Protein backbone atom coordinates (compact mmCIF):
# COMPACT_ATOMS: atom_id res chain seq x y z
CA UNK A 1 11.56 40.96 15.57
CA UNK A 2 9.39 40.27 12.57
CA UNK A 3 9.54 36.69 11.28
CA UNK A 4 9.79 36.64 7.51
CA UNK A 5 8.10 33.71 5.77
CA UNK A 6 9.10 32.81 2.26
CA UNK A 7 6.35 32.69 -0.36
CA UNK A 8 7.02 28.96 -0.85
CA UNK A 9 6.60 28.20 2.88
CA UNK A 10 3.50 30.39 2.99
CA UNK A 11 1.90 28.38 0.25
CA UNK A 12 2.71 25.19 2.16
CA UNK A 13 1.05 26.49 5.33
CA UNK A 14 -2.04 27.47 3.39
CA UNK A 15 -2.27 23.95 2.02
CA UNK A 16 -2.03 22.29 5.44
CA UNK A 17 -5.66 22.71 6.50
CA UNK A 18 -6.77 21.04 3.30
CA UNK A 19 -4.39 18.13 3.77
CA UNK A 20 -5.01 17.59 7.47
CA UNK A 21 -8.62 18.54 7.97
CA UNK A 22 -10.29 16.89 4.98
CA UNK A 23 -9.88 13.37 6.41
CA UNK A 24 -11.30 14.61 9.73
CA UNK A 25 -14.37 15.96 7.98
CA UNK A 26 -14.84 12.71 6.12
CA UNK A 27 -14.43 10.65 9.27
CA UNK A 28 -16.95 12.75 11.16
CA UNK A 29 -19.61 11.99 8.58
CA UNK A 30 -21.44 8.84 9.75
CA UNK A 31 -22.70 8.20 6.23
CA UNK A 32 -19.19 7.83 4.85
CA UNK A 33 -18.12 5.78 7.84
CA UNK A 34 -20.67 3.06 7.22
CA UNK A 35 -20.60 3.18 3.46
CA UNK A 36 -19.94 -0.11 1.64
CA UNK A 37 -16.61 0.04 -0.25
CA UNK A 38 -18.23 -0.68 -3.62
CA UNK A 39 -20.76 2.13 -3.26
CA UNK A 40 -17.98 4.48 -2.15
CA UNK A 41 -16.33 4.01 -5.53
CA UNK A 42 -13.50 1.84 -4.21
CA UNK A 43 -12.69 -1.84 -4.69
CA UNK A 44 -13.52 -4.55 -2.21
CA UNK A 45 -10.57 -6.90 -1.76
CA UNK A 46 -11.26 -10.33 -0.30
CA UNK A 47 -9.33 -13.56 0.27
CA UNK A 48 -9.29 -16.02 -2.61
CA UNK A 49 -11.24 -19.24 -2.24
CA UNK A 50 -9.05 -22.34 -2.44
CA UNK A 51 -10.27 -25.49 -4.20
CA UNK A 52 -11.22 -28.51 -2.12
CA UNK A 53 -9.19 -30.78 -4.39
CA UNK A 54 -6.36 -30.12 -6.82
CA UNK A 55 -3.99 -32.10 -9.00
CA UNK A 56 -0.74 -31.28 -10.72
CA UNK A 57 0.05 -33.44 -13.76
CA UNK A 58 -2.29 -36.13 -12.46
CA UNK A 59 -0.73 -36.13 -8.98
CA UNK A 60 -2.77 -35.17 -5.92
CA UNK A 61 -1.84 -31.93 -4.19
CA UNK A 62 -2.21 -32.59 -0.43
CA UNK A 63 -4.40 -29.60 0.41
CA UNK A 64 -5.28 -31.22 3.74
CA UNK A 65 -1.86 -30.03 4.97
CA UNK A 66 -2.05 -26.50 6.40
CA UNK A 67 1.36 -25.52 5.00
CA UNK A 68 0.42 -26.66 1.49
CA UNK A 69 -2.85 -24.70 1.64
CA UNK A 70 -1.07 -21.57 2.86
CA UNK A 71 1.62 -21.83 0.18
CA UNK A 72 -1.04 -22.18 -2.50
CA UNK A 73 -2.99 -19.31 -0.94
CA UNK A 74 0.05 -17.04 -1.14
CA UNK A 75 0.63 -17.68 -4.84
CA UNK A 76 -3.05 -17.57 -5.75
CA UNK A 77 -3.39 -14.19 -4.04
CA UNK A 78 -0.38 -12.92 -5.99
CA UNK A 79 -1.77 -14.16 -9.29
CA UNK A 80 -5.33 -12.94 -8.70
CA UNK A 81 -4.34 -9.49 -7.46
CA UNK A 82 -1.59 -8.85 -10.00
CA UNK A 83 -4.38 -7.91 -12.38
CA UNK A 84 -2.47 -6.45 -15.32
CA UNK A 85 -0.01 -9.32 -15.59
CA UNK A 86 -2.64 -12.04 -15.20
CA UNK A 87 -4.92 -10.46 -17.80
CA UNK A 88 -1.98 -10.39 -20.21
CA UNK A 89 -1.33 -14.09 -19.55
CA UNK A 90 -4.97 -14.92 -20.25
CA UNK A 91 -4.92 -12.89 -23.46
CA UNK A 92 -1.71 -14.58 -24.65
CA UNK A 93 -2.71 -18.12 -23.69
CA UNK A 94 -4.49 -19.18 -26.89
CA UNK A 95 -1.64 -17.96 -29.10
CA UNK A 96 1.11 -19.80 -27.22
CA UNK A 97 -0.76 -22.83 -25.90
CA UNK A 98 -1.89 -23.66 -29.44
CA UNK A 99 1.81 -24.32 -30.15
CA UNK A 100 2.86 -25.83 -26.82
CA UNK A 101 -0.02 -28.21 -26.10
CA UNK A 102 0.37 -30.52 -29.14
CA UNK A 103 4.12 -30.82 -28.54
CA UNK A 104 3.65 -31.74 -24.87
CA UNK A 105 1.03 -34.31 -25.84
CA UNK A 106 3.14 -35.85 -28.60
CA UNK A 107 6.04 -36.23 -26.16
CA UNK A 108 4.00 -37.72 -23.31
CA UNK A 109 4.49 -34.73 -21.01
CA UNK A 110 1.44 -33.73 -18.92
CA UNK A 111 -0.48 -30.73 -20.20
CA UNK A 112 -0.05 -28.90 -16.88
CA UNK A 113 3.57 -28.20 -17.81
CA UNK A 114 2.39 -25.48 -20.18
CA UNK A 115 1.91 -23.41 -17.01
CA UNK A 116 5.57 -24.00 -16.15
CA UNK A 117 6.42 -22.07 -19.32
CA UNK A 118 4.23 -19.22 -18.04
CA UNK A 119 6.05 -19.27 -14.70
CA UNK A 120 9.42 -19.30 -16.45
CA UNK A 121 9.01 -16.58 -19.05
CA UNK A 122 5.56 -15.02 -18.81
CA UNK A 123 4.96 -15.82 -22.49
CA UNK A 124 8.03 -13.90 -23.60
CA UNK A 125 10.04 -16.07 -26.03
CA UNK A 126 12.83 -13.45 -25.93
CA UNK A 127 13.23 -13.53 -22.15
CA UNK A 128 16.74 -13.78 -20.66
CA UNK A 129 17.31 -14.49 -16.97
CA UNK A 130 20.19 -13.16 -14.82
CA UNK A 131 21.68 -16.68 -15.07
CA UNK A 132 21.54 -16.40 -18.90
CA UNK A 133 18.70 -18.88 -19.25
CA UNK A 134 16.86 -18.03 -22.42
CA UNK A 135 13.51 -18.23 -24.16
CA UNK A 136 10.01 -19.39 -23.37
CA UNK A 137 11.34 -22.29 -21.28
CA UNK A 138 14.39 -20.44 -19.89
CA UNK A 139 16.94 -23.04 -20.96
CA UNK A 140 20.63 -22.69 -20.11
CA UNK A 141 23.14 -22.99 -22.95
CA UNK A 142 24.62 -26.26 -21.67
CA UNK A 143 21.22 -27.92 -21.33
CA UNK A 144 20.16 -26.59 -24.74
CA UNK A 145 23.16 -28.10 -26.51
CA UNK A 146 22.74 -31.39 -24.65
CA UNK A 147 19.20 -31.51 -25.99
CA UNK A 148 19.93 -30.76 -29.61
CA UNK A 149 19.46 -27.00 -29.90
CA UNK A 150 21.76 -24.95 -32.11
CA UNK A 151 23.42 -21.93 -30.50
CA UNK A 152 25.87 -19.60 -32.21
CA UNK A 153 26.24 -15.92 -33.08
CA UNK A 154 23.57 -16.10 -35.79
CA UNK A 155 21.11 -18.68 -34.47
CA UNK A 156 19.89 -19.51 -30.96
CA UNK A 157 17.15 -22.12 -31.00
CA UNK A 158 16.30 -21.54 -27.35
CA UNK A 159 14.26 -18.64 -28.75
CA UNK A 160 12.54 -20.99 -31.21
CA UNK A 161 9.16 -21.81 -29.64
CA UNK A 162 8.63 -25.22 -31.21
CA UNK A 163 12.23 -26.44 -30.93
CA UNK A 164 12.70 -25.16 -27.39
CA UNK A 165 9.45 -26.86 -26.35
CA UNK A 166 10.74 -30.12 -27.83
CA UNK A 167 13.98 -29.68 -25.87
CA UNK A 168 12.05 -28.87 -22.68
CA UNK A 169 10.07 -32.08 -23.14
CA UNK A 170 13.30 -34.07 -23.31
CA UNK A 171 14.57 -32.38 -20.15
CA UNK A 172 11.29 -32.97 -18.29
CA UNK A 173 10.99 -36.62 -19.33
CA UNK A 174 14.59 -37.31 -18.35
CA UNK A 175 13.93 -35.82 -14.92
CA UNK A 176 10.77 -37.92 -14.55
CA UNK A 177 12.74 -41.08 -15.33
CA UNK A 178 15.02 -40.12 -12.44
CA UNK A 179 12.55 -38.85 -9.82
CA UNK A 180 9.27 -40.58 -10.73
CA UNK A 181 7.18 -37.58 -9.68
CA UNK A 182 6.04 -34.69 -11.86
CA UNK A 183 6.04 -32.24 -8.95
CA UNK A 184 9.68 -33.15 -8.27
CA UNK A 185 10.37 -32.75 -11.99
CA UNK A 186 9.03 -29.18 -11.80
CA UNK A 187 11.10 -28.52 -8.67
CA UNK A 188 14.23 -29.84 -10.39
CA UNK A 189 13.55 -27.60 -13.40
CA UNK A 190 13.79 -24.64 -11.04
CA UNK A 191 16.39 -25.77 -8.52
CA UNK A 192 18.46 -28.27 -10.49
CA UNK A 193 18.65 -32.05 -10.31
CA UNK A 194 21.82 -32.17 -8.25
CA UNK A 195 20.39 -29.84 -5.64
CA UNK A 196 17.19 -31.87 -5.46
CA UNK A 197 19.18 -35.10 -5.04
CA UNK A 198 21.01 -33.58 -2.07
CA UNK A 199 17.80 -32.43 -0.43
CA UNK A 200 16.14 -35.83 -0.80
CA UNK A 201 19.22 -37.53 0.65
CA UNK A 202 19.65 -35.15 3.59
CA UNK A 203 15.96 -34.74 4.48
CA UNK A 204 15.06 -38.40 3.87
CA UNK A 205 11.72 -37.66 2.18
CA UNK A 206 10.73 -37.89 -1.49
CA UNK A 207 7.67 -35.68 -1.84
CA UNK A 208 7.91 -32.11 -3.09
CA UNK A 209 5.35 -31.14 -0.45
CA UNK A 210 7.50 -32.57 2.38
CA UNK A 211 10.84 -31.12 1.30
CA UNK A 212 12.30 -27.86 2.56
CA UNK A 213 13.66 -25.73 -0.30
CA UNK A 214 14.98 -22.23 -0.73
CA UNK A 215 12.12 -19.76 -1.10
CA UNK A 216 12.09 -19.66 -4.91
CA UNK A 217 11.71 -23.43 -5.28
CA UNK A 218 9.30 -23.57 -2.33
CA UNK A 219 7.00 -21.21 -4.20
CA UNK A 220 7.63 -22.59 -7.68
CA UNK A 221 5.10 -25.42 -8.03
CA UNK A 222 2.46 -23.43 -6.17
CA UNK A 223 2.99 -20.56 -8.59
CA UNK A 224 2.43 -22.94 -11.49
CA UNK A 225 -0.71 -24.23 -9.76
CA UNK A 226 -2.02 -20.70 -9.28
CA UNK A 227 -1.67 -20.07 -13.03
CA UNK A 228 -3.46 -23.33 -13.75
CA UNK A 229 -6.39 -22.45 -11.47
CA UNK A 230 -6.87 -18.92 -12.77
CA UNK A 231 -6.19 -19.53 -16.44
CA UNK A 232 -8.44 -22.60 -16.60
CA UNK A 233 -11.32 -20.74 -14.98
CA UNK A 234 -10.68 -16.98 -15.16
CA UNK A 235 -14.32 -15.98 -14.56
CA UNK A 236 -14.27 -17.69 -11.17
CA UNK A 237 -11.44 -15.42 -10.06
CA UNK A 238 -12.94 -12.21 -11.43
CA UNK A 239 -11.16 -12.02 -14.79
CA UNK A 240 -13.72 -11.30 -17.47
CA UNK A 241 -11.89 -11.39 -20.80
CA UNK A 242 -14.13 -11.67 -23.84
CA UNK A 243 -13.17 -13.91 -26.74
CA UNK A 244 -12.58 -10.97 -29.07
CA UNK A 245 -10.16 -9.49 -26.51
CA UNK A 246 -7.81 -12.50 -26.67
CA UNK A 247 -4.70 -12.09 -28.78
CA UNK A 248 -5.35 -13.89 -32.07
CA UNK A 249 -3.35 -16.76 -33.51
CA UNK A 250 -1.52 -15.28 -36.49
CA UNK A 251 -1.49 -17.57 -39.50
CA UNK A 252 1.97 -18.10 -40.96
CA UNK A 253 3.60 -19.91 -43.85
CA UNK A 254 7.03 -21.53 -43.86
CA UNK A 255 9.84 -20.48 -46.18
CA UNK A 256 12.91 -22.69 -46.40
CA UNK A 257 16.37 -21.12 -46.45
CA UNK A 258 19.13 -23.48 -47.59
CA UNK A 259 22.02 -21.08 -48.06
CA UNK A 260 23.38 -17.77 -46.79
CA UNK A 261 21.27 -14.65 -46.36
CA UNK A 262 23.23 -11.43 -46.76
CA UNK A 263 20.53 -9.26 -45.17
CA UNK A 264 17.47 -10.35 -43.21
CA UNK A 265 16.03 -6.87 -43.77
CA UNK A 266 16.17 -7.35 -47.55
CA UNK A 267 14.85 -10.89 -47.16
CA UNK A 268 11.89 -9.63 -45.12
CA UNK A 269 11.00 -6.92 -47.64
CA UNK A 270 11.14 -9.48 -50.45
CA UNK A 271 8.60 -11.56 -48.52
CA UNK A 272 6.22 -8.62 -48.08
CA UNK A 273 7.02 -7.88 -44.43
CA UNK A 274 9.77 -5.98 -42.60
CA UNK A 275 12.75 -6.76 -40.36
CA UNK A 276 10.79 -6.09 -37.17
CA UNK A 277 8.04 -8.55 -38.11
CA UNK A 278 10.56 -11.15 -39.29
CA UNK A 279 12.29 -11.08 -35.91
CA UNK A 280 8.97 -11.05 -34.06
CA UNK A 281 8.00 -14.37 -35.64
CA UNK A 282 11.54 -15.79 -35.71
CA UNK A 283 13.25 -14.53 -32.54
CA UNK A 284 15.81 -17.34 -32.84
CA UNK A 285 17.50 -15.41 -35.69
CA UNK A 286 20.12 -13.51 -33.69
CA UNK A 287 21.99 -11.51 -36.33
CA UNK A 288 21.21 -9.28 -39.28
CA UNK A 289 22.45 -11.98 -41.69
CA UNK A 290 23.03 -15.71 -41.98
CA UNK A 291 26.35 -17.10 -43.25
CA UNK A 292 25.23 -20.73 -43.15
CA UNK A 293 28.49 -22.28 -44.47
CA UNK A 294 27.15 -25.84 -44.08
CA UNK A 295 24.10 -25.07 -46.23
CA UNK A 296 21.77 -26.20 -43.47
CA UNK A 297 18.03 -25.87 -44.14
CA UNK A 298 16.22 -23.40 -41.88
CA UNK A 299 12.47 -22.89 -41.76
CA UNK A 300 11.42 -19.24 -41.50
CA UNK A 301 7.93 -18.24 -40.41
CA UNK A 302 6.30 -15.57 -42.56
CA UNK A 303 2.86 -14.26 -41.54
CA UNK A 304 0.25 -14.41 -44.28
CA UNK A 305 -0.91 -11.32 -46.12
CA UNK A 306 -3.18 -9.04 -44.11
CA UNK A 307 -1.97 -10.36 -40.75
CA UNK A 308 -1.47 -6.93 -39.14
CA UNK A 309 -5.13 -6.01 -39.50
CA UNK A 310 -6.48 -9.42 -38.43
CA UNK A 311 -9.22 -9.28 -35.81
CA UNK A 312 -11.13 -12.04 -34.03
């Protein structure tokens, strides 16, 4: 009997020696065996060096504890080796921190909390979580309304960078008044105040670093710390981003709207931009129009002329 082999299977058999024998040839070459990874055209991956001392919001991180060091190590490895995402954070930092930092300072919230915003939304003011938390600070609707943000079909100020940062400050300061520890404040922002209260009561300890949480909250503060370490000193961790590669701060002017707007597209064109750009700079505008029956005054950001060709 003659065994018939299909042309497709024949081609597969012909490819096998290439697939299976090439590695054997490479392995039998002592030069390749002993070659340094860098000179072989590949990357050399190494552990990340941990700091000897570290603080979060002025509070000491107990790096002398093995579990704390290992938790930080895990998040720092993730941040350092997630190259594309971390580079994007570094490039976005000047643009967003220039808005966030003065608001935190004016409200007496430690500067380190700007990294909480990175952990929450990754610098995406339009982010929406599965739990329907929204914006740069990922604020739930109930918390937003409790802290003075307007939410309706046409406007959602959780997407407003300045106003949502002000609301986040109120939330953070209220939590600090309750817990007296900024690391616990960060944990409560992720896991909720009620849940944190229960854990403190049942575990009979009051330090974030002594409490047992679900995995997300266990990792949360360490994730924030990893962003702080890398973004404060990117060169140390291998991220070489030149100044002219950072995303520029786009200069804007403010236009007041005191009545209805029948079409934001028409409004944008009248201001020398387009609907896309209007929404990019004002993501809190949630509809194509504004009825505004109460004649409330809204401040609309309009980028200055020539903004799209601005370079550092």
